[in-house]
């Protein structure tokens, strides 16, 4: 987000916020001369009027510093995140000093690394504030629904893995042949299971998973999150002592899965914190505009009062533009 860093803070200290028809903030001594030029003078009020709308981002920064600096103290995590970002920028643009400085001016509106650090620090605090707000406003129903639909106890299973056994430089035809061969073998194993053959013995004979084959394919207890999605989804559908009737394909090959045990799911109180973290991440990922809308809500709830209609309009336009840009960016990547 481009930022225009003109030193407006000291000027704002002089502003006496007044109201009237078409509200407009005026300087207490606005008639005082700010700059003298040959043939004329520029008053403080003239200067303020000329820059206020173009520098709305700086005013927003000042607001957010007041909202977030005390609540979110700089800690080791923030320092590390900011320093890592700076090092990444240097890696990408720091080989040439002129290119590096040009990048800082163009994309961050700063001239020095110290100013860059201040910008990234504020962005870190904004992120913390947004995440806290989203989590705070999750409903009990959202949390309970996620618990009911997505939280499981650890499960125990065994598997027989049939890999494709194909080289990286294989032709499409060779890959297709290997795929067909692996699928055929996996189906043959399932047929043997249906005929009553022992799963452990079949795993020792056919499984390409060297770590588990000798142990009858036993994977022990695990969380669904620890496994590939296709594997986990198939295992969820199984009852205890039931195996998959069709081969389950993952990036590793074809699996025949036997569920051998399942523990009770943890209590809601034990996983509530993790659920809120997950839901927060999902909401922010699903709605590219939520970040900016949440910042807007936080400012509104902190009773930001615009005593200058032009500044208020500039702020609304600025936020609308950010939201619109986020929507367009999300649409282009989908």
C-alpha atoms as a PDB file:
ATOM      1  CA  UNK A   1       0.000   0.000   0.000  1.00  0.00           C
ATOM      2  CA  UNK A   2       1.580   3.247  -1.142  1.00  0.00           C
ATOM      3  CA  UNK A   3       1.953   5.817   1.590  1.00  0.00           C
ATOM      4  CA  UNK A   4       2.600   9.517   1.210  1.00  0.00           C
ATOM      5  CA  UNK A   5       4.738  10.556   4.156  1.00  0.00           C
ATOM      6  CA  UNK A   6       4.548  14.349   4.453  1.00  0.00           C
ATOM      7  CA  UNK A   7       5.149  15.581   7.968  1.00  0.00           C
ATOM      8  CA  UNK A   8       1.600  16.451   8.861  1.00  0.00           C
ATOM      9  CA  UNK A   9       1.650  15.488  12.536  1.00  0.00           C
ATOM     10  CA  UNK A  10       3.128  18.752  13.841  1.00  0.00           C
ATOM     11  CA  UNK A  11       0.661  20.701  11.737  1.00  0.00           C
ATOM     12  CA  UNK A  12      -2.317  18.778  13.102  1.00  0.00           C
ATOM     13  CA  UNK A  13      -1.341  19.777  16.631  1.00  0.00           C
ATOM     14  CA  UNK A  14      -2.286  23.336  15.709  1.00  0.00           C
ATOM     15  CA  UNK A  15      -5.768  22.399  14.488  1.00  0.00           C
ATOM     16  CA  UNK A  16      -8.752  23.501  16.519  1.00  0.00           C
ATOM     17  CA  UNK A  17     -11.659  21.311  15.407  1.00  0.00           C
ATOM     18  CA  UNK A  18     -14.758  23.417  14.904  1.00  0.00           C
ATOM     19  CA  UNK A  19     -18.142  22.624  13.441  1.00  0.00           C
ATOM     20  CA  UNK A  20     -20.474  24.566  11.209  1.00  0.00           C
ATOM     21  CA  UNK A  21     -22.310  24.374   7.919  1.00  0.00           C
ATOM     22  CA  UNK A  22     -20.370  21.819   5.899  1.00  0.00           C
ATOM     23  CA  UNK A  23     -17.988  21.000   8.746  1.00  0.00           C
ATOM     24  CA  UNK A  24     -14.456  22.160   8.214  1.00  0.00           C
ATOM     25  CA  UNK A  25     -11.487  22.051  10.575  1.00  0.00           C
ATOM     26  CA  UNK A  26      -9.680  25.353  10.803  1.00  0.00           C
ATOM     27  CA  UNK A  27      -6.342  26.373  12.245  1.00  0.00           C
ATOM     28  CA  UNK A  28      -6.486  28.510  15.359  1.00  0.00           C
ATOM     29  CA  UNK A  29      -4.057  30.959  13.810  1.00  0.00           C
ATOM     30  CA  UNK A  30      -4.748  29.989  10.231  1.00  0.00           C
ATOM     31  CA  UNK A  31      -4.020  33.470   8.932  1.00  0.00           C
ATOM     32  CA  UNK A  32      -0.428  33.259  10.125  1.00  0.00           C
ATOM     33  CA  UNK A  33       2.092  33.060   7.320  1.00  0.00           C
ATOM     34  CA  UNK A  34       3.496  29.588   6.754  1.00  0.00           C
ATOM     35  CA  UNK A  35       5.643  30.482   3.740  1.00  0.00           C
ATOM     36  CA  UNK A  36       6.616  33.782   2.171  1.00  0.00           C
ATOM     37  CA  UNK A  37       7.372  33.980  -1.516  1.00  0.00           C
ATOM     38  CA  UNK A  38       8.221  36.864  -3.772  1.00  0.00           C
ATOM     39  CA  UNK A  39       4.989  38.561  -4.611  1.00  0.00           C
ATOM     40  CA  UNK A  40       2.842  36.782  -2.030  1.00  0.00           C
ATOM     41  CA  UNK A  41       2.354  34.762   1.119  1.00  0.00           C
ATOM     42  CA  UNK A  42       0.908  31.328   1.936  1.00  0.00           C
ATOM     43  CA  UNK A  43      -1.048  31.144   5.154  1.00  0.00           C
ATOM     44  CA  UNK A  44      -1.140  28.105   7.407  1.00  0.00           C
ATOM     45  CA  UNK A  45      -4.783  27.575   6.459  1.00  0.00           C
ATOM     46  CA  UNK A  46      -3.981  27.645   2.749  1.00  0.00           C
ATOM     47  CA  UNK A  47      -1.225  25.098   3.286  1.00  0.00           C
ATOM     48  CA  UNK A  48      -3.503  22.811   5.310  1.00  0.00           C
ATOM     49  CA  UNK A  49      -6.272  23.037   2.696  1.00  0.00           C
ATOM     50  CA  UNK A  50      -3.849  22.169  -0.077  1.00  0.00           C
ATOM     51  CA  UNK A  51      -2.493  18.999   1.502  1.00  0.00           C
ATOM     52  CA  UNK A  52      -5.144  17.537   3.820  1.00  0.00           C
ATOM     53  CA  UNK A  53      -7.007  15.318   1.342  1.00  0.00           C
ATOM     54  CA  UNK A  54      -3.896  14.065  -0.445  1.00  0.00           C
ATOM     55  CA  UNK A  55      -2.350  12.928   2.817  1.00  0.00           C
ATOM     56  CA  UNK A  56      -5.249  10.985   4.282  1.00  0.00           C
ATOM     57  CA  UNK A  57      -3.060   7.875   4.659  1.00  0.00           C
ATOM     58  CA  UNK A  58      -0.797   9.775   7.044  1.00  0.00           C
ATOM     59  CA  UNK A  59      -3.759  10.838   9.168  1.00  0.00           C
ATOM     60  CA  UNK A  60      -4.959   7.209   9.265  1.00  0.00           C
ATOM     61  CA  UNK A  61      -1.498   6.117  10.423  1.00  0.00           C
ATOM     62  CA  UNK A  62      -1.614   8.672  13.222  1.00  0.00           C
ATOM     63  CA  UNK A  63      -5.064   7.416  14.259  1.00  0.00           C
ATOM     64  CA  UNK A  64      -3.950   3.779  14.242  1.00  0.00           C
ATOM     65  CA  UNK A  65      -0.834   4.528  16.267  1.00  0.00           C
ATOM     66  CA  UNK A  66      -3.078   6.006  18.953  1.00  0.00           C
ATOM     67  CA  UNK A  67      -5.396   2.966  18.788  1.00  0.00           C
ATOM     68  CA  UNK A  68      -2.833   0.182  18.699  1.00  0.00           C
ATOM     69  CA  UNK A  69       0.565   1.243  20.060  1.00  0.00           C
ATOM     70  CA  UNK A  70      -0.406   0.944  23.724  1.00  0.00           C
ATOM     71  CA  UNK A  71      -2.524  -2.176  23.335  1.00  0.00           C
ATOM     72  CA  UNK A  72      -0.007  -4.081  21.213  1.00  0.00           C
ATOM     73  CA  UNK A  73       3.414  -3.465  22.643  1.00  0.00           C
ATOM     74  CA  UNK A  74       6.355  -4.316  20.440  1.00  0.00           C
ATOM     75  CA  UNK A  75       7.689  -7.731  21.472  1.00  0.00           C
ATOM     76  CA  UNK A  76      10.212 -10.280  20.216  1.00  0.00           C
ATOM     77  CA  UNK A  77       7.699 -11.797  17.791  1.00  0.00           C
ATOM     78  CA  UNK A  78       7.040  -8.440  16.168  1.00  0.00           C
ATOM     79  CA  UNK A  79      10.743  -7.593  16.016  1.00  0.00           C
ATOM     80  CA  UNK A  80      11.488 -10.900  14.311  1.00  0.00           C
ATOM     81  CA  UNK A  81       8.635 -10.555  11.808  1.00  0.00           C
ATOM     82  CA  UNK A  82       9.608  -7.001  10.883  1.00  0.00           C
ATOM     83  CA  UNK A  83      13.301  -7.833  10.574  1.00  0.00           C
ATOM     84  CA  UNK A  84      12.508 -10.898   8.449  1.00  0.00           C
ATOM     85  CA  UNK A  85      10.425  -8.754   6.091  1.00  0.00           C
ATOM     86  CA  UNK A  86      13.198  -6.189   5.795  1.00  0.00           C
ATOM     87  CA  UNK A  87      15.748  -8.904   5.038  1.00  0.00           C
ATOM     88  CA  UNK A  88      13.436 -10.324   2.365  1.00  0.00           C
ATOM     89  CA  UNK A  89      13.089  -6.875   0.773  1.00  0.00           C
ATOM     90  CA  UNK A  90      16.866  -6.490   0.829  1.00  0.00           C
ATOM     91  CA  UNK A  91      17.279  -9.910  -0.765  1.00  0.00           C
ATOM     92  CA  UNK A  92      14.948  -8.927  -3.595  1.00  0.00           C
ATOM     93  CA  UNK A  93      15.918  -5.287  -4.100  1.00  0.00           C
ATOM     94  CA  UNK A  94      18.986  -4.526  -2.010  1.00  0.00           C
ATOM     95  CA  UNK A  95      21.741  -5.472  -4.453  1.00  0.00           C
ATOM     96  CA  UNK A  96      21.627  -1.957  -5.880  1.00  0.00           C
ATOM     97  CA  UNK A  97      21.238   0.933  -3.438  1.00  0.00           C
ATOM     98  CA  UNK A  98      19.377   3.168  -5.893  1.00  0.00           C
ATOM     99  CA  UNK A  99      16.927   0.372  -6.753  1.00  0.00           C
ATOM    100  CA  UNK A 100      16.437  -0.355  -3.052  1.00  0.00           C
ATOM    101  CA  UNK A 101      15.697   3.277  -2.175  1.00  0.00           C
ATOM    102  CA  UNK A 102      13.429   3.661  -5.181  1.00  0.00           C
ATOM    103  CA  UNK A 103      11.459   0.598  -4.073  1.00  0.00           C
ATOM    104  CA  UNK A 104      11.073   1.971  -0.536  1.00  0.00           C
ATOM    105  CA  UNK A 105       9.816   5.299  -1.873  1.00  0.00           C
ATOM    106  CA  UNK A 106       7.438   3.777  -4.417  1.00  0.00           C
ATOM    107  CA  UNK A 107       5.845   1.038  -2.326  1.00  0.00           C
ATOM    108  CA  UNK A 108       6.203   2.282   1.242  1.00  0.00           C
ATOM    109  CA  UNK A 109       6.603   6.045   0.858  1.00  0.00           C
ATOM    110  CA  UNK A 110       9.715   6.100   3.042  1.00  0.00           C
ATOM    111  CA  UNK A 111      13.312   7.163   2.572  1.00  0.00           C
ATOM    112  CA  UNK A 112      15.140   5.218   5.253  1.00  0.00           C
ATOM    113  CA  UNK A 113      15.176   1.739   6.748  1.00  0.00           C
ATOM    114  CA  UNK A 114      14.183   3.208  10.088  1.00  0.00           C
ATOM    115  CA  UNK A 115      11.003   4.621   8.534  1.00  0.00           C
ATOM    116  CA  UNK A 116      10.384   1.284   6.817  1.00  0.00           C
ATOM    117  CA  UNK A 117      10.612  -0.475  10.168  1.00  0.00           C
ATOM    118  CA  UNK A 118       8.017   1.907  11.618  1.00  0.00           C
ATOM    119  CA  UNK A 119       5.638   1.200   8.724  1.00  0.00           C
ATOM    120  CA  UNK A 120       6.016  -2.577   9.071  1.00  0.00           C
ATOM    121  CA  UNK A 121       5.640  -2.341  12.834  1.00  0.00           C
ATOM    122  CA  UNK A 122       2.300  -0.547  12.487  1.00  0.00           C
ATOM    123  CA  UNK A 123       1.140  -3.098   9.915  1.00  0.00           C
ATOM    124  CA  UNK A 124       2.020  -5.902  12.333  1.00  0.00           C
ATOM    125  CA  UNK A 125      -0.061  -4.250  15.066  1.00  0.00           C
ATOM    126  CA  UNK A 126      -2.936  -3.736  12.647  1.00  0.00           C
ATOM    127  CA  UNK A 127      -2.847  -7.439  11.815  1.00  0.00           C
ATOM    128  CA  UNK A 128      -2.963  -8.327  15.507  1.00  0.00           C
ATOM    129  CA  UNK A 129      -5.915  -5.997  16.027  1.00  0.00           C
ATOM    130  CA  UNK A 130      -7.824  -7.415  13.061  1.00  0.00           C
ATOM    131  CA  UNK A 131      -7.225 -11.019  14.115  1.00  0.00           C
ATOM    132  CA  UNK A 132      -8.302 -10.301  17.695  1.00  0.00           C
ATOM    133  CA  UNK A 133     -11.455  -8.546  16.476  1.00  0.00           C
ATOM    134  CA  UNK A 134     -12.435 -11.388  14.141  1.00  0.00           C
ATOM    135  CA  UNK A 135     -11.922 -14.003  16.876  1.00  0.00           C
ATOM    136  CA  UNK A 136     -13.815 -11.919  19.430  1.00  0.00           C
ATOM    137  CA  UNK A 137     -16.839 -11.678  17.139  1.00  0.00           C
ATOM    138  CA  UNK A 138     -17.097 -15.374  16.310  1.00  0.00           C
ATOM    139  CA  UNK A 139     -20.478 -16.688  17.428  1.00  0.00           C
ATOM    140  CA  UNK A 140     -21.005 -19.664  19.717  1.00  0.00           C
ATOM    141  CA  UNK A 141     -22.927 -21.326  16.882  1.00  0.00           C
ATOM    142  CA  UNK A 142     -20.002 -20.964  14.464  1.00  0.00           C
ATOM    143  CA  UNK A 143     -17.658 -22.526  17.013  1.00  0.00           C
ATOM    144  CA  UNK A 144     -20.068 -25.351  17.899  1.00  0.00           C
ATOM    145  CA  UNK A 145     -20.822 -26.144  14.251  1.00  0.00           C
ATOM    146  CA  UNK A 146     -17.110 -26.387  13.478  1.00  0.00           C
ATOM    147  CA  UNK A 147     -16.615 -28.618  16.513  1.00  0.00           C
ATOM    148  CA  UNK A 148     -19.428 -30.944  15.462  1.00  0.00           C
ATOM    149  CA  UNK A 149     -18.357 -31.177  11.827  1.00  0.00           C
ATOM    150  CA  UNK A 150     -14.566 -31.070  11.975  1.00  0.00           C
ATOM    151  CA  UNK A 151     -13.227 -32.230  15.336  1.00  0.00           C
ATOM    152  CA  UNK A 152     -12.455 -35.919  15.722  1.00  0.00           C
ATOM    153  CA  UNK A 153     -10.607 -38.081  18.160  1.00  0.00           C
ATOM    154  CA  UNK A 154      -7.307 -39.578  17.072  1.00  0.00           C
ATOM    155  CA  UNK A 155      -7.748 -42.590  14.833  1.00  0.00           C
ATOM    156  CA  UNK A 156      -5.742 -45.763  14.378  1.00  0.00           C
ATOM    157  CA  UNK A 157      -5.384 -47.362  10.955  1.00  0.00           C
ATOM    158  CA  UNK A 158      -3.283 -49.622   8.781  1.00  0.00           C
ATOM    159  CA  UNK A 159      -2.702 -49.302   5.073  1.00  0.00           C
ATOM    160  CA  UNK A 160      -1.293 -51.047   2.045  1.00  0.00           C
ATOM    161  CA  UNK A 161       0.381 -48.632  -0.352  1.00  0.00           C
ATOM    162  CA  UNK A 162       0.849 -49.386  -4.031  1.00  0.00           C
ATOM    163  CA  UNK A 163       3.129 -46.803  -5.636  1.00  0.00           C
ATOM    164  CA  UNK A 164       3.368 -46.020  -9.336  1.00  0.00           C
ATOM    165  CA  UNK A 165       7.077 -46.886  -9.607  1.00  0.00           C
ATOM    166  CA  UNK A 166       7.746 -44.490 -12.452  1.00  0.00           C
ATOM    167  CA  UNK A 167      10.793 -42.320 -13.143  1.00  0.00           C
ATOM    168  CA  UNK A 168      10.580 -38.532 -13.021  1.00  0.00           C
ATOM    169  CA  UNK A 169      11.542 -38.266 -16.689  1.00  0.00           C
ATOM    170  CA  UNK A 170       8.993 -40.849 -17.824  1.00  0.00           C
ATOM    171  CA  UNK A 171       6.804 -40.085 -20.808  1.00  0.00           C
ATOM    172  CA  UNK A 172       3.076 -39.471 -20.416  1.00  0.00           C
ATOM    173  CA  UNK A 173       2.458 -42.913 -21.885  1.00  0.00           C
ATOM    174  CA  UNK A 174       4.789 -44.556 -19.364  1.00  0.00           C
ATOM    175  CA  UNK A 175       3.122 -42.689 -16.501  1.00  0.00           C
ATOM    176  CA  UNK A 176      -0.304 -43.765 -17.695  1.00  0.00           C
ATOM    177  CA  UNK A 177       0.817 -47.391 -17.902  1.00  0.00           C
ATOM    178  CA  UNK A 178       2.310 -47.220 -14.385  1.00  0.00           C
ATOM    179  CA  UNK A 179      -0.934 -45.684 -13.092  1.00  0.00           C
ATOM    180  CA  UNK A 180      -3.033 -48.456 -14.596  1.00  0.00           C
ATOM    181  CA  UNK A 181      -0.702 -51.136 -13.240  1.00  0.00           C
ATOM    182  CA  UNK A 182      -0.773 -49.697  -9.688  1.00  0.00           C
ATOM    183  CA  UNK A 183      -4.559 -49.334  -9.725  1.00  0.00           C
ATOM    184  CA  UNK A 184      -4.983 -52.889 -10.994  1.00  0.00           C
ATOM    185  CA  UNK A 185      -2.723 -54.266  -8.252  1.00  0.00           C
ATOM    186  CA  UNK A 186      -4.565 -52.290  -5.570  1.00  0.00           C
ATOM    187  CA  UNK A 187      -7.895 -53.666  -6.742  1.00  0.00           C
ATOM    188  CA  UNK A 188      -6.458 -57.182  -6.711  1.00  0.00           C
ATOM    189  CA  UNK A 189      -5.444 -56.710  -3.069  1.00  0.00           C
ATOM    190  CA  UNK A 190      -8.988 -55.597  -2.208  1.00  0.00           C
ATOM    191  CA  UNK A 191     -10.336 -58.688  -3.935  1.00  0.00           C
ATOM    192  CA  UNK A 192      -8.075 -60.850  -1.760  1.00  0.00           C
ATOM    193  CA  UNK A 193      -9.399 -59.064   1.341  1.00  0.00           C
ATOM    194  CA  UNK A 194     -12.959 -59.732   0.226  1.00  0.00           C
ATOM    195  CA  UNK A 195     -11.993 -63.393  -0.155  1.00  0.00           C
ATOM    196  CA  UNK A 196     -10.988 -63.429   3.498  1.00  0.00           C
ATOM    197  CA  UNK A 197      -7.199 -63.070   3.314  1.00  0.00           C
ATOM    198  CA  UNK A 198      -5.440 -61.426   6.265  1.00  0.00           C
ATOM    199  CA  UNK A 199      -4.740 -57.674   5.973  1.00  0.00           C
ATOM    200  CA  UNK A 200      -1.411 -57.852   7.813  1.00  0.00           C
ATOM    201  CA  UNK A 201      -0.095 -60.630   5.587  1.00  0.00           C
ATOM    202  CA  UNK A 202      -1.168 -58.761   2.454  1.00  0.00           C
ATOM    203  CA  UNK A 203       0.522 -55.595   3.716  1.00  0.00           C
ATOM    204  CA  UNK A 204       3.794 -57.435   4.262  1.00  0.00           C
ATOM    205  CA  UNK A 205       3.595 -58.890   0.758  1.00  0.00           C
ATOM    206  CA  UNK A 206       2.281 -55.991  -1.333  1.00  0.00           C
ATOM    207  CA  UNK A 207       2.774 -52.663   0.469  1.00  0.00           C
ATOM    208  CA  UNK A 208       5.457 -50.305  -0.878  1.00  0.00           C
ATOM    209  CA  UNK A 209       5.544 -48.386   2.418  1.00  0.00           C
ATOM    210  CA  UNK A 210       8.825 -49.692   3.789  1.00  0.00           C
ATOM    211  CA  UNK A 211       8.255 -48.161   7.232  1.00  0.00           C
ATOM    212  CA  UNK A 212       5.004 -50.010   7.913  1.00  0.00           C
ATOM    213  CA  UNK A 213       4.892 -53.032   5.610  1.00  0.00           C
ATOM    214  CA  UNK A 214       6.828 -55.308   7.963  1.00  0.00           C
ATOM    215  CA  UNK A 215       4.391 -54.358  10.746  1.00  0.00           C
ATOM    216  CA  UNK A 216       1.310 -55.261   8.751  1.00  0.00           C
ATOM    217  CA  UNK A 217       0.791 -51.678   7.557  1.00  0.00           C
ATOM    218  CA  UNK A 218       0.105 -50.355  11.079  1.00  0.00           C
ATOM    219  CA  UNK A 219       0.256 -46.535  11.213  1.00  0.00           C
ATOM    220  CA  UNK A 220      -0.628 -46.295  14.907  1.00  0.00           C
ATOM    221  CA  UNK A 221      -2.812 -43.481  16.219  1.00  0.00           C
ATOM    222  CA  UNK A 222      -2.786 -40.172  14.352  1.00  0.00           C
ATOM    223  CA  UNK A 223      -4.792 -36.990  13.862  1.00  0.00           C
ATOM    224  CA  UNK A 224      -6.653 -36.552  10.612  1.00  0.00           C
ATOM    225  CA  UNK A 225      -4.764 -33.300  10.118  1.00  0.00           C
ATOM    226  CA  UNK A 226      -1.512 -35.251  10.015  1.00  0.00           C
ATOM    227  CA  UNK A 227      -2.489 -37.169   6.880  1.00  0.00           C
ATOM    228  CA  UNK A 228      -3.073 -36.260   3.253  1.00  0.00           C
ATOM    229  CA  UNK A 229      -6.611 -34.996   2.743  1.00  0.00           C
ATOM    230  CA  UNK A 230      -7.697 -37.864   0.483  1.00  0.00           C
ATOM    231  CA  UNK A 231      -6.399 -40.389   3.001  1.00  0.00           C
ATOM    232  CA  UNK A 232      -8.111 -38.655   5.935  1.00  0.00           C
ATOM    233  CA  UNK A 233     -11.417 -38.196   4.115  1.00  0.00           C
ATOM    234  CA  UNK A 234     -11.546 -41.892   3.235  1.00  0.00           C
ATOM    235  CA  UNK A 235     -10.652 -42.957   6.784  1.00  0.00           C
ATOM    236  CA  UNK A 236     -13.399 -40.766   8.282  1.00  0.00           C
ATOM    237  CA  UNK A 237     -15.975 -42.738   6.318  1.00  0.00           C
ATOM    238  CA  UNK A 238     -14.863 -46.087   7.724  1.00  0.00           C
ATOM    239  CA  UNK A 239     -16.214 -47.859  10.761  1.00  0.00           C
ATOM    240  CA  UNK A 240     -13.840 -49.674  13.109  1.00  0.00           C
ATOM    241  CA  UNK A 241     -12.416 -52.857  11.491  1.00  0.00           C
ATOM    242  CA  UNK A 242     -13.702 -51.771   8.062  1.00  0.00           C
ATOM    243  CA  UNK A 243     -11.445 -51.296   5.015  1.00  0.00           C
ATOM    244  CA  UNK A 244     -11.867 -49.188   1.879  1.00  0.00           C
ATOM    245  CA  UNK A 245     -13.667 -51.049  -0.883  1.00  0.00           C
ATOM    246  CA  UNK A 246     -12.007 -48.933  -3.561  1.00  0.00           C
ATOM    247  CA  UNK A 247      -8.335 -47.842  -3.759  1.00  0.00           C
ATOM    248  CA  UNK A 248      -7.734 -44.364  -2.337  1.00  0.00           C
ATOM    249  CA  UNK A 249      -5.495 -42.262  -4.544  1.00  0.00           C
ATOM    250  CA  UNK A 250      -3.050 -39.722  -3.099  1.00  0.00           C
ATOM    251  CA  UNK A 251       0.157 -38.174  -4.371  1.00  0.00           C
ATOM    252  CA  UNK A 252       1.953 -41.229  -2.949  1.00  0.00           C
ATOM    253  CA  UNK A 253      -0.006 -43.798  -4.951  1.00  0.00           C
ATOM    254  CA  UNK A 254      -2.995 -46.022  -4.155  1.00  0.00           C
ATOM    255  CA  UNK A 255      -3.926 -46.973  -0.571  1.00  0.00           C
ATOM    256  CA  UNK A 256      -6.090 -49.680   0.894  1.00  0.00           C
ATOM    257  CA  UNK A 257      -6.999 -48.436   4.382  1.00  0.00           C
ATOM    258  CA  UNK A 258      -8.179 -50.429   7.385  1.00  0.00           C
ATOM    259  CA  UNK A 259      -9.501 -48.463  10.388  1.00  0.00           C
ATOM    260  CA  UNK A 260      -8.526 -50.305  13.575  1.00  0.00           C
ATOM    261  CA  UNK A 261      -9.457 -47.835  16.330  1.00  0.00           C
ATOM    262  CA  UNK A 262     -10.790 -44.388  17.168  1.00  0.00           C
ATOM    263  CA  UNK A 263     -10.609 -42.317  20.350  1.00  0.00           C
ATOM    264  CA  UNK A 264     -13.341 -40.007  21.646  1.00  0.00           C
ATOM    265  CA  UNK A 265     -13.095 -36.445  20.400  1.00  0.00           C
ATOM    266  CA  UNK A 266     -11.739 -33.888  22.893  1.00  0.00           C
ATOM    267  CA  UNK A 267     -14.170 -31.685  24.792  1.00  0.00           C
ATOM    268  CA  UNK A 268     -15.151 -28.388  23.184  1.00  0.00           C
ATOM    269  CA  UNK A 269     -13.494 -26.460  26.006  1.00  0.00           C
ATOM    270  CA  UNK A 270     -10.195 -28.191  25.250  1.00  0.00           C
ATOM    271  CA  UNK A 271     -10.115 -27.220  21.581  1.00  0.00           C
ATOM    272  CA  UNK A 272     -12.107 -23.970  21.557  1.00  0.00           C
ATOM    273  CA  UNK A 273      -9.021 -21.795  21.334  1.00  0.00           C
ATOM    274  CA  UNK A 274      -7.698 -23.749  18.350  1.00  0.00           C
ATOM    275  CA  UNK A 275     -11.109 -23.663  16.659  1.00  0.00           C
ATOM    276  CA  UNK A 276     -11.286 -19.881  16.986  1.00  0.00           C
ATOM    277  CA  UNK A 277      -7.821 -19.594  15.480  1.00  0.00           C
ATOM    278  CA  UNK A 278      -8.819 -21.812  12.555  1.00  0.00           C
ATOM    279  CA  UNK A 279     -12.100 -19.984  11.925  1.00  0.00           C
ATOM    280  CA  UNK A 280     -10.299 -16.644  12.042  1.00  0.00           C
ATOM    281  CA  UNK A 281      -7.827 -17.802   9.413  1.00  0.00           C
ATOM    282  CA  UNK A 282     -10.629 -19.179   7.243  1.00  0.00           C
ATOM    283  CA  UNK A 283     -12.626 -15.953   7.384  1.00  0.00           C
ATOM    284  CA  UNK A 284      -9.654 -13.786   6.464  1.00  0.00           C
ATOM    285  CA  UNK A 285      -8.683 -16.165   3.660  1.00  0.00           C
ATOM    286  CA  UNK A 286     -12.228 -16.419   2.287  1.00  0.00           C
ATOM    287  CA  UNK A 287     -12.893 -12.663   2.245  1.00  0.00           C
ATOM    288  CA  UNK A 288     -10.055 -10.519   0.904  1.00  0.00           C
ATOM    289  CA  UNK A 289     -11.871  -7.363   2.017  1.00  0.00           C
ATOM    290  CA  UNK A 290     -12.393  -8.425   5.631  1.00  0.00           C
ATOM    291  CA  UNK A 291      -9.038  -7.023   6.759  1.00  0.00           C
ATOM    292  CA  UNK A 292      -9.881  -3.475   5.654  1.00  0.00           C
ATOM    293  CA  UNK A 293     -13.526  -3.685   6.718  1.00  0.00           C
ATOM    294  CA  UNK A 294     -12.436  -4.802  10.175  1.00  0.00           C
ATOM    295  CA  UNK A 295      -9.980  -1.942  10.547  1.00  0.00           C
ATOM    296  CA  UNK A 296     -12.805   0.407   9.564  1.00  0.00           C
ATOM    297  CA  UNK A 297     -15.087  -1.128  12.227  1.00  0.00           C
ATOM    298  CA  UNK A 298     -12.383  -0.846  14.895  1.00  0.00           C
ATOM    299  CA  UNK A 299     -11.909   2.843  14.141  1.00  0.00           C
ATOM    300  CA  UNK A 300     -15.671   3.398  14.113  1.00  0.00           C
ATOM    301  CA  UNK A 301     -16.119   1.642  17.453  1.00  0.00           C
ATOM    302  CA  UNK A 302     -13.369   3.824  18.915  1.00  0.00           C
ATOM    303  CA  UNK A 303     -15.570   6.792  18.041  1.00  0.00           C
ATOM    304  CA  UNK A 304     -13.358   8.430  15.445  1.00  0.00           C
ATOM    305  CA  UNK A 305     -15.060  11.751  14.805  1.00  0.00           C
ATOM    306  CA  UNK A 306     -14.313  13.643  11.617  1.00  0.00           C
ATOM    307  CA  UNK A 307     -14.761  17.358  12.192  1.00  0.00           C
ATOM    308  CA  UNK A 308     -13.814  18.186   8.649  1.00  0.00           C
ATOM    309  CA  UNK A 309     -16.167  16.906   5.925  1.00  0.00           C
ATOM    310  CA  UNK A 310     -13.436  16.913   3.304  1.00  0.00           C
ATOM    311  CA  UNK A 311     -11.237  14.701   5.480  1.00  0.00           C
ATOM    312  CA  UNK A 312     -14.141  12.359   6.188  1.00  0.00           C
ATOM    313  CA  UNK A 313     -14.871  12.010   2.479  1.00  0.00           C
ATOM    314  CA  UNK A 314     -11.190  11.469   1.735  1.00  0.00           C
ATOM    315  CA  UNK A 315     -11.087   8.709   4.357  1.00  0.00           C
ATOM    316  CA  UNK A 316     -14.207   6.989   3.012  1.00  0.00           C
ATOM    317  CA  UNK A 317     -12.892   7.178  -0.551  1.00  0.00           C
ATOM    318  CA  UNK A 318      -9.515   5.842   0.588  1.00  0.00           C
ATOM    319  CA  UNK A 319     -11.068   2.827   2.333  1.00  0.00           C
ATOM    320  CA  UNK A 320     -13.443   2.176  -0.581  1.00  0.00           C
ATOM    321  CA  UNK A 321     -10.461   2.099  -2.926  1.00  0.00           C
ATOM    322  CA  UNK A 322      -8.586  -0.371  -0.706  1.00  0.00           C
ATOM    323  CA  UNK A 323     -11.624  -2.658  -0.495  1.00  0.00           C
ATOM    324  CA  UNK A 324     -12.207  -2.465  -4.241  1.00  0.00           C
ATOM    325  CA  UNK A 325      -8.533  -3.244  -4.944  1.00  0.00           C
ATOM    326  CA  UNK A 326      -8.680  -6.244  -2.596  1.00  0.00           C
ATOM    327  CA  UNK A 327     -11.793  -7.537  -4.376  1.00  0.00           C
ATOM    328  CA  UNK A 328     -10.156  -7.197  -7.793  1.00  0.00           C
ATOM    329  CA  UNK A 329      -6.973  -8.893  -6.595  1.00  0.00           C
ATOM    330  CA  UNK A 330      -8.939 -11.806  -5.172  1.00  0.00           C
ATOM    331  CA  UNK A 331     -10.986 -12.146  -8.380  1.00  0.00           C
ATOM    332  CA  UNK A 332      -7.871 -12.210 -10.555  1.00  0.00           C
ATOM    333  CA  UNK A 333      -6.309 -15.037  -8.542  1.00  0.00           C
ATOM    334  CA  UNK A 334      -9.429 -17.216  -8.457  1.00  0.00           C
END
